Amino acid sequence: KGVVILAATNRPEILDKALLRPGRFDRRIIVEKPDLKGRVAILKVHAKNVFLHDSVNLEEVALATSGAVGSDLANIINEAAIRAVKMNRTVVIQEDLMESVEVVFAGKEKKDSILSPKEKKIVSYHEVGHALITALMKHTDPVQKITIVPRTMGSLGYVLQVPEEEKNLQSKEELIVELVTFCGGRAAEEVVFGSISTGAANDIEKATNIARQMITRFGMSDEFGFTCLETVQDQYLDQRLVLNCADSTAAKVDAAVIEILKQCYKKACEMIRENRDVLDKIAEYLYEHETITGKEFMKIFCELKNIPLPKPKNQDTSVSEIAEENKQTAEALGNLDNVTGN
């Protein structure tokens, strides 16, 4: 009596059922990655022994770290404290924390890595291509930063986007917009330089995974309907996806994925061509400054497009407003919905 036995596993599916009978290990607790509220709480715990400036907003940091676990968040606080010391400050400011998010997830800046003028120009257009699609479309997260400074984890540049609110669901329209955004970098390269580079490898991988899941897991294709064609194995380890359909169906899935990505890439190229003057101006600015903030980007974008700066999203959204926004997005995407059979 008075003894509590705890056990942990990443492979619950292989446990002997006798072990889980009532009276033995009869209470199971699934520990998932923390949500927004959980990430804020974890950040507060790790920040207890760190002097934070009064202006620090931990919720903004939590929004920028979707999918992070406790160790990631601890590293962010630690890196922020180190940065503050290096900058001869006694308190950690918001800039330290946001830079630390990038250090943890993208690596440190490779200050000894120098791109050739040609490569620097290609990367500038590639990253602005992503950001431009983001600014032109609805259902996108605001751009926080655009940089062409290489990082130690391999990226030559990237666009940092921070959501205005935590998302647990994504609509079909949002996923298609995400695919078009992934295509924006490669599309900018092809439109401007008439050739393509290896810089879009990560974009292609992510876009392919999303397009495949739209068909095999999310039921967003009329051809296959309300059907699960792919299941997750080893949910608590590598979460491998395994097709559970005939070879002939798998071939059709591959063809459908390719078609979705072709149409999204075509749409991205059209948008880049229609806004080539804006692309050129912002890419030149990025080439010169190497790193620009989201505010700088939107200011230049809105001035060139002669439109007012967007207002922060209202989190209290009605059903009719959601439907109208989805309708506007569908109209902006043109016939892309036809790709999945709608």
C-alpha atoms as a PDB file:
ATOM      1  CA  LYS A   1       0.000   0.000   0.000  1.00  0.00           C
ATOM      2  CA  GLY A   2       1.065   3.567  -0.643  1.00  0.00           C
ATOM      3  CA  VAL A   3       3.195   2.594  -3.651  1.00  0.00           C
ATOM      4  CA  VAL A   4       2.436   4.162  -7.028  1.00  0.00           C
ATOM      5  CA  ILE A   5       4.049   2.610 -10.096  1.00  0.00           C
ATOM      6  CA  LEU A   6       4.511   4.760 -13.192  1.00  0.00           C
ATOM      7  CA  ALA A   7       5.642   3.595 -16.611  1.00  0.00           C
ATOM      8  CA  ALA A   8       6.133   5.326 -19.950  1.00  0.00           C
ATOM      9  CA  THR A   9       6.281   4.089 -23.527  1.00  0.00           C
ATOM     10  CA  ASN A  10       6.316   5.370 -27.095  1.00  0.00           C
ATOM     11  CA  ARG A  11       4.867   2.078 -28.375  1.00  0.00           C
ATOM     12  CA  PRO A  12       1.550   1.450 -26.558  1.00  0.00           C
ATOM     13  CA  GLU A  13       0.281  -0.691 -29.437  1.00  0.00           C
ATOM     14  CA  ILE A  14       2.794  -3.487 -28.702  1.00  0.00           C
ATOM     15  CA  LEU A  15       2.104  -3.777 -24.957  1.00  0.00           C
ATOM     16  CA  ASP A  16       0.697  -7.059 -23.647  1.00  0.00           C
ATOM     17  CA  LYS A  17      -3.046  -6.581 -23.045  1.00  0.00           C
ATOM     18  CA  ALA A  18      -2.691  -8.361 -19.707  1.00  0.00           C
ATOM     19  CA  LEU A  19      -0.541  -5.461 -18.539  1.00  0.00           C
ATOM     20  CA  LEU A  20      -3.419  -3.033 -19.063  1.00  0.00           C
ATOM     21  CA  ARG A  21      -6.150  -4.954 -17.244  1.00  0.00           C
ATOM     22  CA  PRO A  22      -8.029  -3.195 -14.398  1.00  0.00           C
ATOM     23  CA  GLY A  23      -5.998  -3.272 -11.217  1.00  0.00           C
ATOM     24  CA  ARG A  24      -2.706  -3.140 -13.088  1.00  0.00           C
ATOM     25  CA  PHE A  25      -1.838  -0.239 -15.398  1.00  0.00           C
ATOM     26  CA  ASP A  26      -5.481   0.782 -15.680  1.00  0.00           C
ATOM     27  CA  ARG A  27      -5.014   4.545 -16.046  1.00  0.00           C
ATOM     28  CA  ARG A  28      -3.407   5.789 -19.235  1.00  0.00           C
ATOM     29  CA  ILE A  29      -2.353   9.401 -19.741  1.00  0.00           C
ATOM     30  CA  ILE A  30      -1.414  10.538 -23.233  1.00  0.00           C
ATOM     31  CA  VAL A  31       1.149  13.346 -23.123  1.00  0.00           C
ATOM     32  CA  GLU A  32       0.938  15.349 -26.338  1.00  0.00           C
ATOM     33  CA  LYS A  33       2.842  18.407 -27.485  1.00  0.00           C
ATOM     34  CA  PRO A  34       1.667  21.475 -25.549  1.00  0.00           C
ATOM     35  CA  ASP A  35      -0.966  23.774 -27.013  1.00  0.00           C
ATOM     36  CA  LEU A  36      -0.736  27.579 -26.921  1.00  0.00           C
ATOM     37  CA  LYS A  37      -1.770  27.820 -23.268  1.00  0.00           C
ATOM     38  CA  GLY A  38       0.643  25.042 -22.341  1.00  0.00           C
ATOM     39  CA  ARG A  39       3.549  26.656 -24.181  1.00  0.00           C
ATOM     40  CA  VAL A  40       2.956  29.976 -22.416  1.00  0.00           C
ATOM     41  CA  ALA A  41       2.931  28.176 -19.045  1.00  0.00           C
ATOM     42  CA  ILE A  42       6.153  26.293 -19.871  1.00  0.00           C
ATOM     43  CA  LEU A  43       7.874  29.492 -20.989  1.00  0.00           C
ATOM     44  CA  LYS A  44       6.889  31.148 -17.701  1.00  0.00           C
ATOM     45  CA  VAL A  45       8.406  28.264 -15.729  1.00  0.00           C
ATOM     46  CA  HIS A  46      11.739  28.460 -17.555  1.00  0.00           C
ATOM     47  CA  ALA A  47      11.762  32.267 -17.383  1.00  0.00           C
ATOM     48  CA  LYS A  48      11.468  32.388 -13.572  1.00  0.00           C
ATOM     49  CA  ASN A  49      15.204  32.877 -13.075  1.00  0.00           C
ATOM     50  CA  VAL A  50      15.620  35.226 -16.041  1.00  0.00           C
ATOM     51  CA  PHE A  51      15.101  38.982 -15.872  1.00  0.00           C
ATOM     52  CA  LEU A  52      12.506  39.824 -18.518  1.00  0.00           C
ATOM     53  CA  HIS A  53      11.704  43.339 -19.660  1.00  0.00           C
ATOM     54  CA  ASP A  54       8.178  44.506 -18.835  1.00  0.00           C
ATOM     55  CA  SER A  55       7.357  44.671 -22.556  1.00  0.00           C
ATOM     56  CA  VAL A  56       8.049  40.959 -23.140  1.00  0.00           C
ATOM     57  CA  ASN A  57       5.040  39.090 -24.547  1.00  0.00           C
ATOM     58  CA  LEU A  58       5.413  35.346 -23.998  1.00  0.00           C
ATOM     59  CA  GLU A  59       2.167  34.627 -25.858  1.00  0.00           C
ATOM     60  CA  GLU A  60       3.722  36.007 -29.045  1.00  0.00           C
ATOM     61  CA  VAL A  61       6.661  33.636 -28.540  1.00  0.00           C
ATOM     62  CA  ALA A  62       4.237  30.756 -27.937  1.00  0.00           C
ATOM     63  CA  LEU A  63       2.353  31.567 -31.153  1.00  0.00           C
ATOM     64  CA  ALA A  64       5.639  31.402 -33.070  1.00  0.00           C
ATOM     65  CA  THR A  65       6.512  27.974 -31.643  1.00  0.00           C
ATOM     66  CA  SER A  66       3.594  25.757 -32.650  1.00  0.00           C
ATOM     67  CA  GLY A  67       4.676  22.120 -32.359  1.00  0.00           C
ATOM     68  CA  ALA A  68       7.483  22.872 -29.894  1.00  0.00           C
ATOM     69  CA  VAL A  69       8.007  20.674 -26.830  1.00  0.00           C
ATOM     70  CA  GLY A  70       9.252  21.624 -23.379  1.00  0.00           C
ATOM     71  CA  SER A  71      12.947  21.193 -24.187  1.00  0.00           C
ATOM     72  CA  ASP A  72      12.608  23.477 -27.225  1.00  0.00           C
ATOM     73  CA  LEU A  73      10.997  26.186 -25.113  1.00  0.00           C
ATOM     74  CA  ALA A  74      13.673  25.848 -22.430  1.00  0.00           C
ATOM     75  CA  ASN A  75      16.347  26.290 -25.115  1.00  0.00           C
ATOM     76  CA  ILE A  76      14.592  29.416 -26.404  1.00  0.00           C
ATOM     77  CA  ILE A  77      14.695  31.062 -22.958  1.00  0.00           C
ATOM     78  CA  ASN A  78      18.329  30.011 -22.508  1.00  0.00           C
ATOM     79  CA  GLU A  79      19.381  31.330 -25.930  1.00  0.00           C
ATOM     80  CA  ALA A  80      17.534  34.593 -25.264  1.00  0.00           C
ATOM     81  CA  ALA A  81      19.417  35.064 -21.984  1.00  0.00           C
ATOM     82  CA  ILE A  82      22.746  34.365 -23.713  1.00  0.00           C
ATOM     83  CA  ARG A  83      21.918  36.873 -26.448  1.00  0.00           C
ATOM     84  CA  ALA A  84      21.029  39.538 -23.878  1.00  0.00           C
ATOM     85  CA  VAL A  85      24.406  39.051 -22.150  1.00  0.00           C
ATOM     86  CA  LYS A  86      26.230  39.285 -25.485  1.00  0.00           C
ATOM     87  CA  MET A  87      24.411  42.554 -26.162  1.00  0.00           C
ATOM     88  CA  ASN A  88      25.525  43.893 -22.733  1.00  0.00           C
ATOM     89  CA  ARG A  89      21.986  44.012 -21.352  1.00  0.00           C
ATOM     90  CA  THR A  90      20.813  42.949 -17.911  1.00  0.00           C
ATOM     91  CA  VAL A  91      17.284  42.085 -19.072  1.00  0.00           C
ATOM     92  CA  VAL A  92      15.879  39.945 -21.872  1.00  0.00           C
ATOM     93  CA  ILE A  93      13.762  41.836 -24.400  1.00  0.00           C
ATOM     94  CA  GLN A  94      11.247  40.572 -26.967  1.00  0.00           C
ATOM     95  CA  GLU A  95      13.801  40.759 -29.773  1.00  0.00           C
ATOM     96  CA  ASP A  96      16.051  38.322 -27.865  1.00  0.00           C
ATOM     97  CA  LEU A  97      13.225  35.810 -27.557  1.00  0.00           C
ATOM     98  CA  MET A  98      12.091  36.021 -31.190  1.00  0.00           C
ATOM     99  CA  GLU A  99      15.680  35.704 -32.440  1.00  0.00           C
ATOM    100  CA  SER A 100      16.103  32.682 -30.158  1.00  0.00           C
ATOM    101  CA  VAL A 101      13.059  31.041 -31.751  1.00  0.00           C
ATOM    102  CA  GLU A 102      14.913  31.217 -35.063  1.00  0.00           C
ATOM    103  CA  VAL A 103      18.138  29.914 -33.499  1.00  0.00           C
ATOM    104  CA  VAL A 104      16.374  26.861 -32.046  1.00  0.00           C
ATOM    105  CA  PHE A 105      14.392  25.983 -35.184  1.00  0.00           C
ATOM    106  CA  ALA A 106      16.629  27.257 -38.019  1.00  0.00           C
ATOM    107  CA  GLY A 107      20.083  27.424 -36.445  1.00  0.00           C
ATOM    108  CA  LYS A 108      22.442  30.321 -35.889  1.00  0.00           C
ATOM    109  CA  GLU A 109      23.445  32.791 -38.566  1.00  0.00           C
ATOM    110  CA  LYS A 110      26.437  31.609 -40.610  1.00  0.00           C
ATOM    111  CA  LYS A 111      28.316  34.872 -40.655  1.00  0.00           C
ATOM    112  CA  ASP A 112      31.321  33.279 -42.346  1.00  0.00           C
ATOM    113  CA  SER A 113      29.164  31.954 -45.210  1.00  0.00           C
ATOM    114  CA  ILE A 114      29.125  34.340 -48.150  1.00  0.00           C
ATOM    115  CA  LEU A 115      26.758  33.849 -51.083  1.00  0.00           C
ATOM    116  CA  SER A 116      27.909  34.913 -54.519  1.00  0.00           C
ATOM    117  CA  PRO A 117      26.038  37.943 -55.956  1.00  0.00           C
ATOM    118  CA  LYS A 118      24.168  35.600 -58.322  1.00  0.00           C
ATOM    119  CA  GLU A 119      23.101  33.212 -55.543  1.00  0.00           C
ATOM    120  CA  LYS A 120      22.169  36.098 -53.278  1.00  0.00           C
ATOM    121  CA  LYS A 121      19.906  37.511 -55.980  1.00  0.00           C
ATOM    122  CA  ILE A 122      18.241  34.133 -56.595  1.00  0.00           C
ATOM    123  CA  VAL A 123      17.612  33.621 -52.867  1.00  0.00           C
ATOM    124  CA  SER A 124      16.240  37.177 -52.574  1.00  0.00           C
ATOM    125  CA  TYR A 125      13.667  36.585 -55.303  1.00  0.00           C
ATOM    126  CA  HIS A 126      12.870  33.116 -53.945  1.00  0.00           C
ATOM    127  CA  GLU A 127      12.055  34.362 -50.436  1.00  0.00           C
ATOM    128  CA  VAL A 128      10.160  37.434 -51.640  1.00  0.00           C
ATOM    129  CA  GLY A 129       8.177  35.100 -53.921  1.00  0.00           C
ATOM    130  CA  HIS A 130       6.910  33.264 -50.834  1.00  0.00           C
ATOM    131  CA  ALA A 131       6.175  36.487 -48.967  1.00  0.00           C
ATOM    132  CA  LEU A 132       4.415  38.073 -51.944  1.00  0.00           C
ATOM    133  CA  ILE A 133       1.996  35.143 -52.321  1.00  0.00           C
ATOM    134  CA  THR A 134       1.347  35.342 -48.571  1.00  0.00           C
ATOM    135  CA  ALA A 135       0.488  39.047 -48.802  1.00  0.00           C
ATOM    136  CA  LEU A 136      -1.754  38.586 -51.844  1.00  0.00           C
ATOM    137  CA  MET A 137      -3.834  35.731 -50.413  1.00  0.00           C
ATOM    138  CA  LYS A 138      -6.301  35.331 -47.571  1.00  0.00           C
ATOM    139  CA  HIS A 139      -5.958  32.555 -44.977  1.00  0.00           C
ATOM    140  CA  THR A 140      -2.246  33.280 -44.465  1.00  0.00           C
ATOM    141  CA  ASP A 141      -0.230  34.086 -41.362  1.00  0.00           C
ATOM    142  CA  PRO A 142       1.410  37.538 -41.268  1.00  0.00           C
ATOM    143  CA  VAL A 143       5.051  37.800 -42.313  1.00  0.00           C
ATOM    144  CA  GLN A 144       7.274  38.521 -39.313  1.00  0.00           C
ATOM    145  CA  LYS A 145      10.646  38.555 -41.045  1.00  0.00           C
ATOM    146  CA  ILE A 146      12.350  37.847 -44.387  1.00  0.00           C
ATOM    147  CA  THR A 147      16.052  37.054 -44.461  1.00  0.00           C
ATOM    148  CA  ILE A 148      18.678  35.829 -46.922  1.00  0.00           C
ATOM    149  CA  VAL A 149      21.313  35.253 -44.234  1.00  0.00           C
ATOM    150  CA  PRO A 150      22.251  31.517 -44.272  1.00  0.00           C
ATOM    151  CA  ARG A 151      21.648  29.480 -41.110  1.00  0.00           C
ATOM    152  CA  THR A 152      23.570  26.547 -39.635  1.00  0.00           C
ATOM    153  CA  MET A 153      20.704  24.092 -40.219  1.00  0.00           C
ATOM    154  CA  GLY A 154      21.049  24.487 -43.973  1.00  0.00           C
ATOM    155  CA  SER A 155      18.652  27.224 -45.053  1.00  0.00           C
ATOM    156  CA  LEU A 156      20.004  29.978 -47.303  1.00  0.00           C
ATOM    157  CA  GLY A 157      17.090  32.203 -46.349  1.00  0.00           C
ATOM    158  CA  TYR A 158      13.524  31.971 -45.130  1.00  0.00           C
ATOM    159  CA  VAL A 159      10.283  33.788 -44.447  1.00  0.00           C
ATOM    160  CA  LEU A 160       9.193  33.712 -40.805  1.00  0.00           C
ATOM    161  CA  GLN A 161       5.426  33.816 -40.315  1.00  0.00           C
ATOM    162  CA  VAL A 162       3.742  34.103 -36.928  1.00  0.00           C
ATOM    163  CA  PRO A 163       0.014  33.282 -36.632  1.00  0.00           C
ATOM    164  CA  GLU A 164      -2.293  35.757 -34.920  1.00  0.00           C
ATOM    165  CA  GLU A 165      -4.111  32.926 -33.157  1.00  0.00           C
ATOM    166  CA  GLU A 166      -3.656  29.212 -32.476  1.00  0.00           C
ATOM    167  CA  LYS A 167      -5.164  26.966 -35.168  1.00  0.00           C
ATOM    168  CA  ASN A 168      -6.447  23.457 -34.554  1.00  0.00           C
ATOM    169  CA  LEU A 169      -8.294  23.043 -37.858  1.00  0.00           C
ATOM    170  CA  GLN A 170      -7.500  23.974 -41.458  1.00  0.00           C
ATOM    171  CA  SER A 171     -10.069  24.292 -44.218  1.00  0.00           C
ATOM    172  CA  LYS A 172      -9.539  23.013 -47.732  1.00  0.00           C
ATOM    173  CA  GLU A 173      -9.140  26.612 -48.912  1.00  0.00           C
ATOM    174  CA  GLU A 174      -6.428  27.247 -46.333  1.00  0.00           C
ATOM    175  CA  LEU A 175      -4.506  24.146 -47.391  1.00  0.00           C
ATOM    176  CA  ILE A 176      -4.634  25.104 -51.063  1.00  0.00           C
ATOM    177  CA  VAL A 177      -3.405  28.611 -50.211  1.00  0.00           C
ATOM    178  CA  GLU A 178      -0.565  27.015 -48.253  1.00  0.00           C
ATOM    179  CA  LEU A 179       0.365  24.932 -51.297  1.00  0.00           C
ATOM    180  CA  VAL A 180       0.374  28.000 -53.563  1.00  0.00           C
ATOM    181  CA  THR A 181       2.575  29.793 -51.015  1.00  0.00           C
ATOM    182  CA  PHE A 182       5.063  26.912 -50.993  1.00  0.00           C
ATOM    183  CA  CYS A 183       5.205  27.202 -54.794  1.00  0.00           C
ATOM    184  CA  GLY A 184       5.897  30.954 -54.642  1.00  0.00           C
ATOM    185  CA  GLY A 185       9.672  30.707 -54.257  1.00  0.00           C
ATOM    186  CA  ARG A 186      10.258  28.353 -57.189  1.00  0.00           C
ATOM    187  CA  ALA A 187       7.725  30.300 -59.294  1.00  0.00           C
ATOM    188  CA  ALA A 188       9.635  33.552 -58.691  1.00  0.00           C
ATOM    189  CA  GLU A 189      12.886  31.893 -59.768  1.00  0.00           C
ATOM    190  CA  GLU A 190      11.397  30.581 -63.006  1.00  0.00           C
ATOM    191  CA  VAL A 191       9.556  33.800 -63.916  1.00  0.00           C
ATOM    192  CA  VAL A 192      12.544  36.074 -63.237  1.00  0.00           C
ATOM    193  CA  PHE A 193      15.542  33.963 -64.241  1.00  0.00           C
ATOM    194  CA  GLY A 194      13.986  31.501 -66.673  1.00  0.00           C
ATOM    195  CA  SER A 195      15.518  28.583 -64.761  1.00  0.00           C
ATOM    196  CA  ILE A 196      15.121  26.793 -61.438  1.00  0.00           C
ATOM    197  CA  SER A 197      17.511  25.825 -58.638  1.00  0.00           C
ATOM    198  CA  THR A 198      17.769  23.310 -55.799  1.00  0.00           C
ATOM    199  CA  GLY A 199      16.578  25.932 -53.294  1.00  0.00           C
ATOM    200  CA  ALA A 200      12.967  24.728 -53.366  1.00  0.00           C
ATOM    201  CA  ALA A 201      13.691  21.172 -52.152  1.00  0.00           C
ATOM    202  CA  ASN A 202      12.178  21.691 -48.700  1.00  0.00           C
ATOM    203  CA  ASP A 203       9.160  23.544 -50.149  1.00  0.00           C
ATOM    204  CA  ILE A 204       8.508  20.678 -52.571  1.00  0.00           C
ATOM    205  CA  GLU A 205       8.685  18.077 -49.800  1.00  0.00           C
ATOM    206  CA  LYS A 206       6.264  19.951 -47.540  1.00  0.00           C
ATOM    207  CA  ALA A 207       3.837  20.753 -50.364  1.00  0.00           C
ATOM    208  CA  THR A 208       3.808  17.135 -51.541  1.00  0.00           C
ATOM    209  CA  ASN A 209       3.031  15.874 -48.038  1.00  0.00           C
ATOM    210  CA  ILE A 210       0.119  18.299 -47.642  1.00  0.00           C
ATOM    211  CA  ALA A 211      -1.338  17.522 -51.089  1.00  0.00           C
ATOM    212  CA  ARG A 212      -1.134  13.784 -50.405  1.00  0.00           C
ATOM    213  CA  GLN A 213      -2.841  14.075 -47.036  1.00  0.00           C
ATOM    214  CA  MET A 214      -5.637  16.174 -48.548  1.00  0.00           C
ATOM    215  CA  ILE A 215      -6.507  13.167 -50.696  1.00  0.00           C
ATOM    216  CA  THR A 216      -5.605  10.173 -48.530  1.00  0.00           C
ATOM    217  CA  ARG A 217      -6.497  11.357 -45.020  1.00  0.00           C
ATOM    218  CA  PHE A 218      -8.704  14.460 -45.149  1.00  0.00           C
ATOM    219  CA  GLY A 219     -11.251  13.287 -47.738  1.00  0.00           C
ATOM    220  CA  MET A 220     -10.853  16.431 -49.860  1.00  0.00           C
ATOM    221  CA  SER A 221     -11.156  14.695 -53.224  1.00  0.00           C
ATOM    222  CA  ASP A 222     -14.480  13.795 -54.851  1.00  0.00           C
ATOM    223  CA  GLU A 223     -12.788  11.009 -56.797  1.00  0.00           C
ATOM    224  CA  PHE A 224     -12.078   9.055 -53.609  1.00  0.00           C
ATOM    225  CA  GLY A 225     -14.767  10.590 -51.423  1.00  0.00           C
ATOM    226  CA  PHE A 226     -15.073  10.155 -47.683  1.00  0.00           C
ATOM    227  CA  THR A 227     -12.376   7.505 -47.567  1.00  0.00           C
ATOM    228  CA  CYS A 228      -9.190   6.980 -45.559  1.00  0.00           C
ATOM    229  CA  LEU A 229      -6.518   5.697 -47.923  1.00  0.00           C
ATOM    230  CA  GLU A 230      -3.578   6.202 -45.574  1.00  0.00           C
ATOM    231  CA  THR A 231      -3.095   5.513 -41.870  1.00  0.00           C
ATOM    232  CA  VAL A 232      -0.526   6.598 -39.298  1.00  0.00           C
ATOM    233  CA  GLN A 233       1.732   3.939 -37.817  1.00  0.00           C
ATOM    234  CA  ASP A 234       3.938   4.407 -34.745  1.00  0.00           C
ATOM    235  CA  GLN A 235       1.908   7.449 -33.702  1.00  0.00           C
ATOM    236  CA  TYR A 236       4.229   8.277 -30.810  1.00  0.00           C
ATOM    237  CA  LEU A 237       7.480   7.743 -32.733  1.00  0.00           C
ATOM    238  CA  ASP A 238       8.100   8.672 -36.376  1.00  0.00           C
ATOM    239  CA  GLN A 239       4.385   8.712 -37.342  1.00  0.00           C
ATOM    240  CA  ARG A 240       4.950   6.875 -40.611  1.00  0.00           C
ATOM    241  CA  LEU A 241       2.098   7.038 -43.138  1.00  0.00           C
ATOM    242  CA  VAL A 242       1.141   3.743 -44.742  1.00  0.00           C
ATOM    243  CA  LEU A 243      -1.199   3.366 -47.727  1.00  0.00           C
ATOM    244  CA  ASN A 244      -3.988   0.842 -47.187  1.00  0.00           C
ATOM    245  CA  CYS A 245      -5.346   0.579 -50.719  1.00  0.00           C
ATOM    246  CA  ALA A 246      -4.753  -1.358 -53.933  1.00  0.00           C
ATOM    247  CA  ASP A 247      -1.757  -0.575 -56.151  1.00  0.00           C
ATOM    248  CA  SER A 248      -4.083   0.747 -58.842  1.00  0.00           C
ATOM    249  CA  THR A 249      -5.640   3.180 -56.355  1.00  0.00           C
ATOM    250  CA  ALA A 250      -2.194   4.217 -55.113  1.00  0.00           C
ATOM    251  CA  ALA A 251      -1.231   5.101 -58.686  1.00  0.00           C
ATOM    252  CA  LYS A 252      -4.357   7.281 -58.982  1.00  0.00           C
ATOM    253  CA  VAL A 253      -3.458   8.987 -55.695  1.00  0.00           C
ATOM    254  CA  ASP A 254       0.017   9.786 -57.038  1.00  0.00           C
ATOM    255  CA  ALA A 255      -1.491  11.227 -60.211  1.00  0.00           C
ATOM    256  CA  ALA A 256      -3.954  13.352 -58.210  1.00  0.00           C
ATOM    257  CA  VAL A 257      -1.162  14.703 -55.979  1.00  0.00           C
ATOM    258  CA  ILE A 258       0.916  15.644 -59.019  1.00  0.00           C
ATOM    259  CA  GLU A 259      -2.072  17.391 -60.610  1.00  0.00           C
ATOM    260  CA  ILE A 260      -2.837  19.432 -57.465  1.00  0.00           C
ATOM    261  CA  LEU A 261       0.765  20.610 -57.237  1.00  0.00           C
ATOM    262  CA  LYS A 262       0.900  21.428 -60.959  1.00  0.00           C
ATOM    263  CA  GLN A 263      -2.194  23.612 -60.684  1.00  0.00           C
ATOM    264  CA  CYS A 264      -0.946  25.321 -57.511  1.00  0.00           C
ATOM    265  CA  TYR A 265       2.421  26.025 -59.149  1.00  0.00           C
ATOM    266  CA  LYS A 266       0.658  27.394 -62.223  1.00  0.00           C
ATOM    267  CA  LYS A 267      -1.396  29.708 -59.994  1.00  0.00           C
ATOM    268  CA  ALA A 268       1.738  30.886 -58.176  1.00  0.00           C
ATOM    269  CA  CYS A 269       3.446  31.693 -61.491  1.00  0.00           C
ATOM    270  CA  GLU A 270       0.402  33.690 -62.631  1.00  0.00           C
ATOM    271  CA  MET A 271       0.378  35.722 -59.412  1.00  0.00           C
ATOM    272  CA  ILE A 272       4.121  36.387 -59.641  1.00  0.00           C
ATOM    273  CA  ARG A 273       3.833  37.559 -63.272  1.00  0.00           C
ATOM    274  CA  GLU A 274       0.902  39.842 -62.430  1.00  0.00           C
ATOM    275  CA  ASN A 275       2.892  41.432 -59.593  1.00  0.00           C
ATOM    276  CA  ARG A 276       6.360  41.384 -61.165  1.00  0.00           C
ATOM    277  CA  ASP A 277       6.996  45.083 -60.465  1.00  0.00           C
ATOM    278  CA  VAL A 278       6.260  44.598 -56.760  1.00  0.00           C
ATOM    279  CA  LEU A 279       8.449  41.482 -56.684  1.00  0.00           C
ATOM    280  CA  ASP A 280      11.388  43.326 -58.270  1.00  0.00           C
ATOM    281  CA  LYS A 281      11.225  46.295 -55.891  1.00  0.00           C
ATOM    282  CA  ILE A 282      10.994  44.216 -52.701  1.00  0.00           C
ATOM    283  CA  ALA A 283      13.637  41.717 -53.886  1.00  0.00           C
ATOM    284  CA  GLU A 284      16.043  44.592 -54.591  1.00  0.00           C
ATOM    285  CA  TYR A 285      15.384  46.004 -51.121  1.00  0.00           C
ATOM    286  CA  LEU A 286      15.980  42.592 -49.511  1.00  0.00           C
ATOM    287  CA  TYR A 287      19.159  42.076 -51.580  1.00  0.00           C
ATOM    288  CA  GLU A 288      20.515  45.340 -50.209  1.00  0.00           C
ATOM    289  CA  HIS A 289      19.459  44.924 -46.566  1.00  0.00           C
ATOM    290  CA  GLU A 290      19.633  41.071 -46.305  1.00  0.00           C
ATOM    291  CA  THR A 291      17.011  41.025 -43.521  1.00  0.00           C
ATOM    292  CA  ILE A 292      13.749  42.976 -43.354  1.00  0.00           C
ATOM    293  CA  THR A 293      10.904  42.901 -40.862  1.00  0.00           C
ATOM    294  CA  GLY A 294       7.330  41.996 -41.675  1.00  0.00           C
ATOM    295  CA  LYS A 295       6.303  45.603 -41.053  1.00  0.00           C
ATOM    296  CA  GLU A 296       8.870  46.859 -43.588  1.00  0.00           C
ATOM    297  CA  PHE A 297       7.690  44.279 -46.107  1.00  0.00           C
ATOM    298  CA  MET A 298       4.000  45.156 -45.721  1.00  0.00           C
ATOM    299  CA  LYS A 299       4.724  48.894 -45.817  1.00  0.00           C
ATOM    300  CA  ILE A 300       6.558  48.569 -49.151  1.00  0.00           C
ATOM    301  CA  PHE A 301       3.966  46.109 -50.492  1.00  0.00           C
ATOM    302  CA  CYS A 302       1.000  48.337 -49.620  1.00  0.00           C
ATOM    303  CA  GLU A 303       2.696  51.463 -50.997  1.00  0.00           C
ATOM    304  CA  LEU A 304       3.439  49.743 -54.308  1.00  0.00           C
ATOM    305  CA  LYS A 305      -0.095  48.286 -54.514  1.00  0.00           C
ATOM    306  CA  ASN A 306      -1.600  51.586 -53.325  1.00  0.00           C
ATOM    307  CA  ILE A 307      -3.691  49.877 -50.653  1.00  0.00           C
ATOM    308  CA  PRO A 308      -4.049  50.537 -46.892  1.00  0.00           C
ATOM    309  CA  LEU A 309      -2.138  48.458 -44.373  1.00  0.00           C
ATOM    310  CA  PRO A 310      -4.193  45.454 -43.209  1.00  0.00           C
ATOM    311  CA  LYS A 311      -5.810  45.557 -39.788  1.00  0.00           C
ATOM    312  CA  PRO A 312      -5.146  42.853 -37.177  1.00  0.00           C
ATOM    313  CA  LYS A 313      -7.505  39.896 -37.504  1.00  0.00           C
ATOM    314  CA  ASN A 314     -10.625  39.979 -35.364  1.00  0.00           C
ATOM    315  CA  GLN A 315     -10.705  36.728 -33.399  1.00  0.00           C
ATOM    316  CA  ASP A 316     -14.477  36.916 -32.843  1.00  0.00           C
ATOM    317  CA  THR A 317     -15.583  35.735 -36.277  1.00  0.00           C
ATOM    318  CA  SER A 318     -19.147  34.847 -37.219  1.00  0.00           C
ATOM    319  CA  VAL A 319     -20.193  31.852 -39.319  1.00  0.00           C
ATOM    320  CA  SER A 320     -21.184  34.125 -42.212  1.00  0.00           C
ATOM    321  CA  GLU A 321     -17.793  35.878 -42.109  1.00  0.00           C
ATOM    322  CA  ILE A 322     -15.958  32.543 -42.273  1.00  0.00           C
ATOM    323  CA  ALA A 323     -18.114  31.437 -45.226  1.00  0.00           C
ATOM    324  CA  GLU A 324     -17.556  34.749 -47.033  1.00  0.00           C
ATOM    325  CA  GLU A 325     -13.795  34.570 -46.490  1.00  0.00           C
ATOM    326  CA  ASN A 326     -13.702  31.015 -47.856  1.00  0.00           C
ATOM    327  CA  LYS A 327     -15.764  32.135 -50.857  1.00  0.00           C
ATOM    328  CA  GLN A 328     -13.383  35.019 -51.583  1.00  0.00           C
ATOM    329  CA  THR A 329     -10.404  32.687 -51.316  1.00  0.00           C
ATOM    330  CA  ALA A 330     -12.000  30.191 -53.698  1.00  0.00           C
ATOM    331  CA  GLU A 331     -12.630  32.987 -56.207  1.00  0.00           C
ATOM    332  CA  ALA A 332      -9.027  34.167 -55.907  1.00  0.00           C
ATOM    333  CA  LEU A 333      -7.791  30.629 -56.511  1.00  0.00           C
ATOM    334  CA  GLY A 334      -9.873  30.342 -59.667  1.00  0.00           C
ATOM    335  CA  ASN A 335     -10.356  26.760 -60.827  1.00  0.00           C
ATOM    336  CA  LEU A 336      -7.956  25.134 -58.377  1.00  0.00           C
ATOM    337  CA  ASP A 337     -10.866  23.509 -56.549  1.00  0.00           C
ATOM    338  CA  ASN A 338     -11.506  21.483 -59.691  1.00  0.00           C
ATOM    339  CA  VAL A 339      -8.242  19.660 -59.094  1.00  0.00           C
ATOM    340  CA  THR A 340      -9.696  17.788 -56.140  1.00  0.00           C
ATOM    341  CA  GLY A 341     -12.976  17.172 -57.870  1.00  0.00           C
ATOM    342  CA  ASN A 342     -15.202  20.003 -56.645  1.00  0.00           C
END
